[in-house]
Amino acid sequence: MKSTRLTQAVLVATLAAGAVVVPAAAASAQPVACGVKAELDLGRGKATSWCISPGPQDAKEHRAVIKCTVVRGRNTPHDLTFPVWGPWVKIGQKSTAMCGFSSSTAGFSYEIR
């Protein structure tokens, strides 16, 4: 019984430490060939999105979105989560959004129009 739990714990830890690239099917229900990935750039969260095909929806532009979390307050600290949007770029180009130096990454995605 303990070996099963240990195997499950190792599997969950392995999956959690894997790459954080989200394919288009998982990130959006729209059939556009897009993707997004998140990484650290000098300790800052950075999301990069790309689209290689407009698909049947005739999408013209896309942008990266990253959710950043900062801790505010001295006596009663609380988390504040807010989105940061990258610039709208045409299909075939990359869009990048970055968090500030004193924040952490809470999530990432992309938007198309």
N, C-alpha and C. Protein backbone atom coordinates (compact mmCIF):
# COMPACT_ATOMS: atom_id res chain seq x y z
N MET A 1 0.82 -1.20 0.00
CA MET A 1 0.00 0.00 0.00
C MET A 1 0.86 1.26 0.00
N LYS A 2 1.93 1.27 0.82
CA LYS A 2 2.79 2.44 0.87
C LYS A 2 3.51 2.67 -0.45
N SER A 3 3.89 1.62 -1.15
CA SER A 3 4.59 1.80 -2.41
C SER A 3 3.67 2.41 -3.47
N THR A 4 2.39 2.11 -3.42
CA THR A 4 1.44 2.71 -4.35
C THR A 4 1.33 4.21 -4.10
N ARG A 5 1.25 4.61 -2.84
CA ARG A 5 1.17 6.03 -2.52
C ARG A 5 2.46 6.74 -2.88
N LEU A 6 3.59 6.08 -2.65
CA LEU A 6 4.87 6.67 -3.01
C LEU A 6 4.98 6.84 -4.52
N THR A 7 4.53 5.84 -5.28
CA THR A 7 4.55 5.93 -6.74
C THR A 7 3.66 7.06 -7.22
N GLN A 8 2.48 7.20 -6.62
CA GLN A 8 1.58 8.29 -7.00
C GLN A 8 2.20 9.65 -6.66
N ALA A 9 2.85 9.75 -5.51
CA ALA A 9 3.48 11.01 -5.12
C ALA A 9 4.62 11.37 -6.07
N VAL A 10 5.41 10.37 -6.46
CA VAL A 10 6.51 10.62 -7.40
C VAL A 10 5.96 11.03 -8.75
N LEU A 11 4.86 10.40 -9.19
CA LEU A 11 4.25 10.74 -10.48
C LEU A 11 3.71 12.17 -10.46
N VAL A 12 3.04 12.55 -9.37
CA VAL A 12 2.51 13.92 -9.27
C VAL A 12 3.66 14.92 -9.24
N ALA A 13 4.72 14.64 -8.50
CA ALA A 13 5.87 15.56 -8.45
C ALA A 13 6.54 15.67 -9.81
N THR A 14 6.63 14.56 -10.54
CA THR A 14 7.23 14.58 -11.88
C THR A 14 6.39 15.40 -12.83
N LEU A 15 5.07 15.24 -12.79
CA LEU A 15 4.19 16.01 -13.67
C LEU A 15 4.22 17.49 -13.32
N ALA A 16 4.31 17.81 -12.03
CA ALA A 16 4.33 19.21 -11.61
C ALA A 16 5.62 19.89 -12.03
N ALA A 17 6.71 19.16 -12.14
CA ALA A 17 8.00 19.76 -12.50
C ALA A 17 8.23 19.78 -14.01
N GLY A 18 7.30 19.29 -14.80
CA GLY A 18 7.46 19.22 -16.25
C GLY A 18 7.35 20.58 -16.92
N ALA A 19 7.42 20.57 -18.22
CA ALA A 19 7.34 21.81 -19.00
C ALA A 19 5.95 22.43 -18.86
N VAL A 20 5.86 23.73 -19.00
CA VAL A 20 4.61 24.44 -18.84
C VAL A 20 4.15 25.04 -20.17
N VAL A 21 4.14 24.23 -21.20
CA VAL A 21 3.66 24.68 -22.50
C VAL A 21 2.23 24.19 -22.67
N VAL A 22 1.33 25.10 -22.99
CA VAL A 22 -0.08 24.75 -23.14
C VAL A 22 -0.42 24.75 -24.63
N PRO A 23 -0.85 23.63 -25.19
CA PRO A 23 -1.25 23.62 -26.59
C PRO A 23 -2.57 24.35 -26.79
N ALA A 24 -2.90 24.62 -28.02
CA ALA A 24 -4.10 25.41 -28.32
C ALA A 24 -5.37 24.74 -27.84
N ALA A 25 -5.46 23.43 -27.91
CA ALA A 25 -6.67 22.73 -27.50
C ALA A 25 -6.94 22.92 -26.01
N ALA A 26 -5.90 22.96 -25.20
CA ALA A 26 -6.09 23.12 -23.76
C ALA A 26 -6.30 24.58 -23.38
N ALA A 27 -5.72 25.50 -24.11
CA ALA A 27 -5.79 26.91 -23.74
C ALA A 27 -7.07 27.58 -24.24
N SER A 28 -7.62 27.12 -25.32
CA SER A 28 -8.77 27.78 -25.91
C SER A 28 -9.61 26.78 -26.68
N ALA A 29 -10.90 27.00 -26.72
CA ALA A 29 -11.78 26.10 -27.46
C ALA A 29 -11.82 26.47 -28.95
N GLN A 30 -11.22 27.57 -29.32
CA GLN A 30 -11.25 27.99 -30.71
C GLN A 30 -10.19 27.24 -31.51
N PRO A 31 -10.52 26.79 -32.71
CA PRO A 31 -9.57 25.98 -33.50
C PRO A 31 -8.53 26.83 -34.23
N VAL A 32 -7.61 27.38 -33.50
CA VAL A 32 -6.51 28.15 -34.05
C VAL A 32 -5.22 27.48 -33.59
N ALA A 33 -4.23 27.38 -34.45
CA ALA A 33 -2.97 26.72 -34.08
C ALA A 33 -2.10 27.70 -33.31
N CYS A 34 -2.36 27.82 -32.00
CA CYS A 34 -1.63 28.73 -31.13
C CYS A 34 -1.08 27.97 -29.94
N GLY A 35 -0.15 28.60 -29.25
CA GLY A 35 0.41 28.03 -28.03
C GLY A 35 0.93 29.13 -27.14
N VAL A 36 1.20 28.78 -25.90
CA VAL A 36 1.73 29.73 -24.94
C VAL A 36 2.65 28.97 -23.98
N LYS A 37 3.73 29.64 -23.56
CA LYS A 37 4.63 29.03 -22.58
C LYS A 37 5.03 30.10 -21.58
N ALA A 38 5.36 29.65 -20.36
CA ALA A 38 5.80 30.56 -19.31
C ALA A 38 7.18 30.13 -18.84
N GLU A 39 8.00 31.12 -18.51
CA GLU A 39 9.35 30.85 -18.04
C GLU A 39 9.79 32.01 -17.17
N LEU A 40 10.94 31.87 -16.54
CA LEU A 40 11.51 32.95 -15.74
C LEU A 40 12.57 33.68 -16.54
N ASP A 41 12.55 35.00 -16.46
CA ASP A 41 13.54 35.85 -17.12
C ASP A 41 14.10 36.78 -16.04
N LEU A 42 15.29 36.48 -15.53
CA LEU A 42 15.91 37.23 -14.44
C LEU A 42 15.02 37.25 -13.20
N GLY A 43 14.33 36.14 -12.93
CA GLY A 43 13.46 36.03 -11.77
C GLY A 43 12.06 36.54 -11.98
N ARG A 44 11.78 37.12 -13.12
CA ARG A 44 10.44 37.63 -13.44
C ARG A 44 9.69 36.60 -14.27
N GLY A 45 8.39 36.49 -14.03
CA GLY A 45 7.56 35.62 -14.84
C GLY A 45 7.39 36.20 -16.24
N LYS A 46 7.50 35.36 -17.26
CA LYS A 46 7.40 35.82 -18.64
C LYS A 46 6.56 34.81 -19.42
N ALA A 47 5.49 35.27 -20.07
CA ALA A 47 4.64 34.43 -20.90
C ALA A 47 4.82 34.85 -22.35
N THR A 48 5.01 33.86 -23.22
CA THR A 48 5.17 34.10 -24.66
C THR A 48 4.13 33.30 -25.40
N SER A 49 3.37 33.95 -26.27
CA SER A 49 2.37 33.25 -27.08
C SER A 49 2.73 33.37 -28.56
N TRP A 50 2.28 32.39 -29.33
CA TRP A 50 2.52 32.38 -30.77
C TRP A 50 1.36 31.71 -31.46
N CYS A 51 1.07 32.12 -32.67
CA CYS A 51 0.06 31.50 -33.53
C CYS A 51 0.69 31.30 -34.90
N ILE A 52 0.49 30.12 -35.47
CA ILE A 52 1.09 29.84 -36.77
C ILE A 52 0.07 29.73 -37.87
N SER A 53 -1.22 29.71 -37.52
CA SER A 53 -2.25 29.56 -38.53
C SER A 53 -3.51 30.26 -38.05
N PRO A 54 -4.17 31.02 -38.93
CA PRO A 54 -5.39 31.70 -38.50
C PRO A 54 -6.54 30.74 -38.26
N GLY A 55 -6.56 29.56 -38.87
CA GLY A 55 -7.63 28.59 -38.67
C GLY A 55 -8.93 29.04 -39.30
N PRO A 56 -10.00 28.28 -39.10
CA PRO A 56 -11.28 28.61 -39.72
C PRO A 56 -11.98 29.82 -39.09
N GLN A 57 -11.51 30.29 -37.93
CA GLN A 57 -12.13 31.44 -37.27
C GLN A 57 -11.63 32.77 -37.85
N ASP A 58 -10.66 32.74 -38.74
CA ASP A 58 -10.08 33.94 -39.32
C ASP A 58 -9.56 34.91 -38.26
N ALA A 59 -8.81 34.39 -37.32
CA ALA A 59 -8.20 35.23 -36.29
C ALA A 59 -7.12 36.08 -36.95
N LYS A 60 -7.05 37.33 -36.58
CA LYS A 60 -6.08 38.24 -37.18
C LYS A 60 -4.91 38.54 -36.24
N GLU A 61 -5.17 38.56 -34.92
CA GLU A 61 -4.14 38.94 -33.95
C GLU A 61 -4.26 38.08 -32.70
N HIS A 62 -3.20 38.06 -31.92
CA HIS A 62 -3.18 37.36 -30.64
C HIS A 62 -2.28 38.11 -29.68
N ARG A 63 -2.40 37.79 -28.38
CA ARG A 63 -1.52 38.38 -27.38
C ARG A 63 -1.40 37.43 -26.18
N ALA A 64 -0.28 37.55 -25.48
CA ALA A 64 -0.03 36.76 -24.27
C ALA A 64 -0.65 37.45 -23.07
N VAL A 65 -1.11 36.64 -22.12
CA VAL A 65 -1.67 37.16 -20.87
C VAL A 65 -1.01 36.39 -19.74
N ILE A 66 -0.51 37.10 -18.73
CA ILE A 66 0.09 36.45 -17.56
C ILE A 66 -0.56 37.05 -16.32
N LYS A 67 -0.87 36.19 -15.35
CA LYS A 67 -1.45 36.66 -14.08
C LYS A 67 -0.32 36.71 -13.05
N CYS A 68 -0.13 37.88 -12.46
CA CYS A 68 0.94 38.11 -11.49
C CYS A 68 0.34 38.29 -10.10
N THR A 69 1.05 37.83 -9.09
CA THR A 69 0.63 37.96 -7.70
C THR A 69 1.70 38.70 -6.92
N VAL A 70 1.30 39.72 -6.15
CA VAL A 70 2.21 40.44 -5.27
C VAL A 70 1.61 40.43 -3.86
N VAL A 71 2.47 40.55 -2.85
CA VAL A 71 2.03 40.61 -1.46
C VAL A 71 2.03 42.07 -1.05
N ARG A 72 0.89 42.55 -0.55
CA ARG A 72 0.74 43.95 -0.13
C ARG A 72 0.45 44.01 1.37
N GLY A 73 0.82 45.08 2.00
CA GLY A 73 0.50 45.32 3.40
C GLY A 73 1.60 44.85 4.33
N ARG A 74 1.77 45.55 5.44
CA ARG A 74 2.79 45.19 6.44
C ARG A 74 2.17 44.46 7.62
N ASN A 75 1.16 45.04 8.23
CA ASN A 75 0.55 44.42 9.41
C ASN A 75 -0.40 43.29 9.02
N THR A 76 -1.12 43.46 7.95
CA THR A 76 -2.04 42.43 7.47
C THR A 76 -1.72 42.14 6.01
N PRO A 77 -0.69 41.33 5.75
CA PRO A 77 -0.32 41.06 4.36
C PRO A 77 -1.41 40.29 3.63
N HIS A 78 -1.61 40.63 2.38
CA HIS A 78 -2.59 39.95 1.54
C HIS A 78 -2.06 39.89 0.11
N ASP A 79 -2.51 38.90 -0.61
CA ASP A 79 -2.10 38.72 -2.00
C ASP A 79 -3.00 39.53 -2.92
N LEU A 80 -2.39 40.09 -3.93
CA LEU A 80 -3.12 40.85 -4.95
C LEU A 80 -2.74 40.25 -6.30
N THR A 81 -3.72 39.70 -7.00
CA THR A 81 -3.48 39.07 -8.30
C THR A 81 -4.07 39.96 -9.39
N PHE A 82 -3.29 40.19 -10.45
CA PHE A 82 -3.74 41.04 -11.54
C PHE A 82 -3.16 40.52 -12.86
N PRO A 83 -3.87 40.73 -13.97
CA PRO A 83 -3.36 40.29 -15.28
C PRO A 83 -2.48 41.36 -15.92
N VAL A 84 -1.53 40.89 -16.71
CA VAL A 84 -0.69 41.77 -17.53
C VAL A 84 -0.83 41.25 -18.96
N TRP A 85 -1.18 42.13 -19.89
CA TRP A 85 -1.38 41.75 -21.28
C TRP A 85 -0.20 42.18 -22.13
N GLY A 86 0.19 41.32 -23.05
CA GLY A 86 1.20 41.66 -24.03
C GLY A 86 0.56 42.45 -25.17
N PRO A 87 1.35 42.93 -26.09
CA PRO A 87 0.78 43.68 -27.23
C PRO A 87 0.08 42.75 -28.21
N TRP A 88 -0.93 43.27 -28.91
CA TRP A 88 -1.58 42.52 -29.97
C TRP A 88 -0.60 42.44 -31.14
N VAL A 89 -0.35 41.24 -31.64
CA VAL A 89 0.54 41.05 -32.78
C VAL A 89 -0.16 40.18 -33.81
N LYS A 90 0.31 40.23 -35.04
CA LYS A 90 -0.29 39.46 -36.13
C LYS A 90 0.09 37.99 -36.02
N ILE A 91 -0.68 37.16 -36.71
CA ILE A 91 -0.42 35.73 -36.76
C ILE A 91 0.97 35.52 -37.37
N GLY A 92 1.77 34.66 -36.73
CA GLY A 92 3.13 34.40 -37.19
C GLY A 92 4.18 35.12 -36.35
N GLN A 93 3.78 36.07 -35.50
CA GLN A 93 4.70 36.78 -34.63
C GLN A 93 4.48 36.31 -33.19
N LYS A 94 5.40 36.66 -32.30
CA LYS A 94 5.31 36.30 -30.89
C LYS A 94 4.94 37.51 -30.05
N SER A 95 4.10 37.28 -29.04
CA SER A 95 3.71 38.32 -28.09
C SER A 95 4.24 37.91 -26.72
N THR A 96 4.75 38.88 -25.95
CA THR A 96 5.34 38.59 -24.65
C THR A 96 4.75 39.53 -23.59
N ALA A 97 4.43 38.95 -22.43
CA ALA A 97 3.97 39.71 -21.27
C ALA A 97 4.83 39.30 -20.08
N MET A 98 5.21 40.28 -19.23
CA MET A 98 6.10 39.99 -18.10
C MET A 98 5.55 40.58 -16.81
N CYS A 99 5.79 39.85 -15.70
CA CYS A 99 5.46 40.33 -14.36
C CYS A 99 6.60 41.22 -13.86
N GLY A 100 6.35 41.95 -12.79
CA GLY A 100 7.37 42.78 -12.18
C GLY A 100 8.36 41.95 -11.37
N PHE A 101 9.40 42.59 -10.86
CA PHE A 101 10.44 41.88 -10.13
C PHE A 101 9.96 41.34 -8.78
N SER A 102 9.05 42.00 -8.11
CA SER A 102 8.63 41.56 -6.78
C SER A 102 7.32 40.78 -6.81
N SER A 103 7.03 40.10 -7.92
CA SER A 103 5.78 39.35 -8.04
C SER A 103 6.06 37.92 -8.47
N SER A 104 5.05 37.08 -8.33
CA SER A 104 5.16 35.69 -8.77
C SER A 104 4.07 35.41 -9.80
N THR A 105 4.23 34.35 -10.56
CA THR A 105 3.30 34.00 -11.63
C THR A 105 2.18 33.14 -11.09
N ALA A 106 0.93 33.55 -11.32
CA ALA A 106 -0.23 32.79 -10.86
C ALA A 106 -0.88 32.01 -12.00
N GLY A 107 -0.64 32.40 -13.25
CA GLY A 107 -1.23 31.71 -14.39
C GLY A 107 -0.87 32.42 -15.68
N PHE A 108 -1.15 31.77 -16.81
CA PHE A 108 -0.85 32.37 -18.09
C PHE A 108 -1.77 31.78 -19.16
N SER A 109 -2.00 32.55 -20.23
CA SER A 109 -2.85 32.12 -21.34
C SER A 109 -2.62 33.06 -22.51
N TYR A 110 -3.46 32.95 -23.53
CA TYR A 110 -3.40 33.87 -24.65
C TYR A 110 -4.81 34.24 -25.08
N GLU A 111 -4.94 35.34 -25.80
CA GLU A 111 -6.22 35.79 -26.34
C GLU A 111 -6.05 35.98 -27.83
N ILE A 112 -7.13 35.73 -28.58
CA ILE A 112 -7.11 35.98 -30.02
C ILE A 112 -8.30 36.84 -30.40
N ARG A 113 -8.16 37.56 -31.50
CA ARG A 113 -9.27 38.34 -32.05
C ARG A 113 -9.16 38.40 -33.55
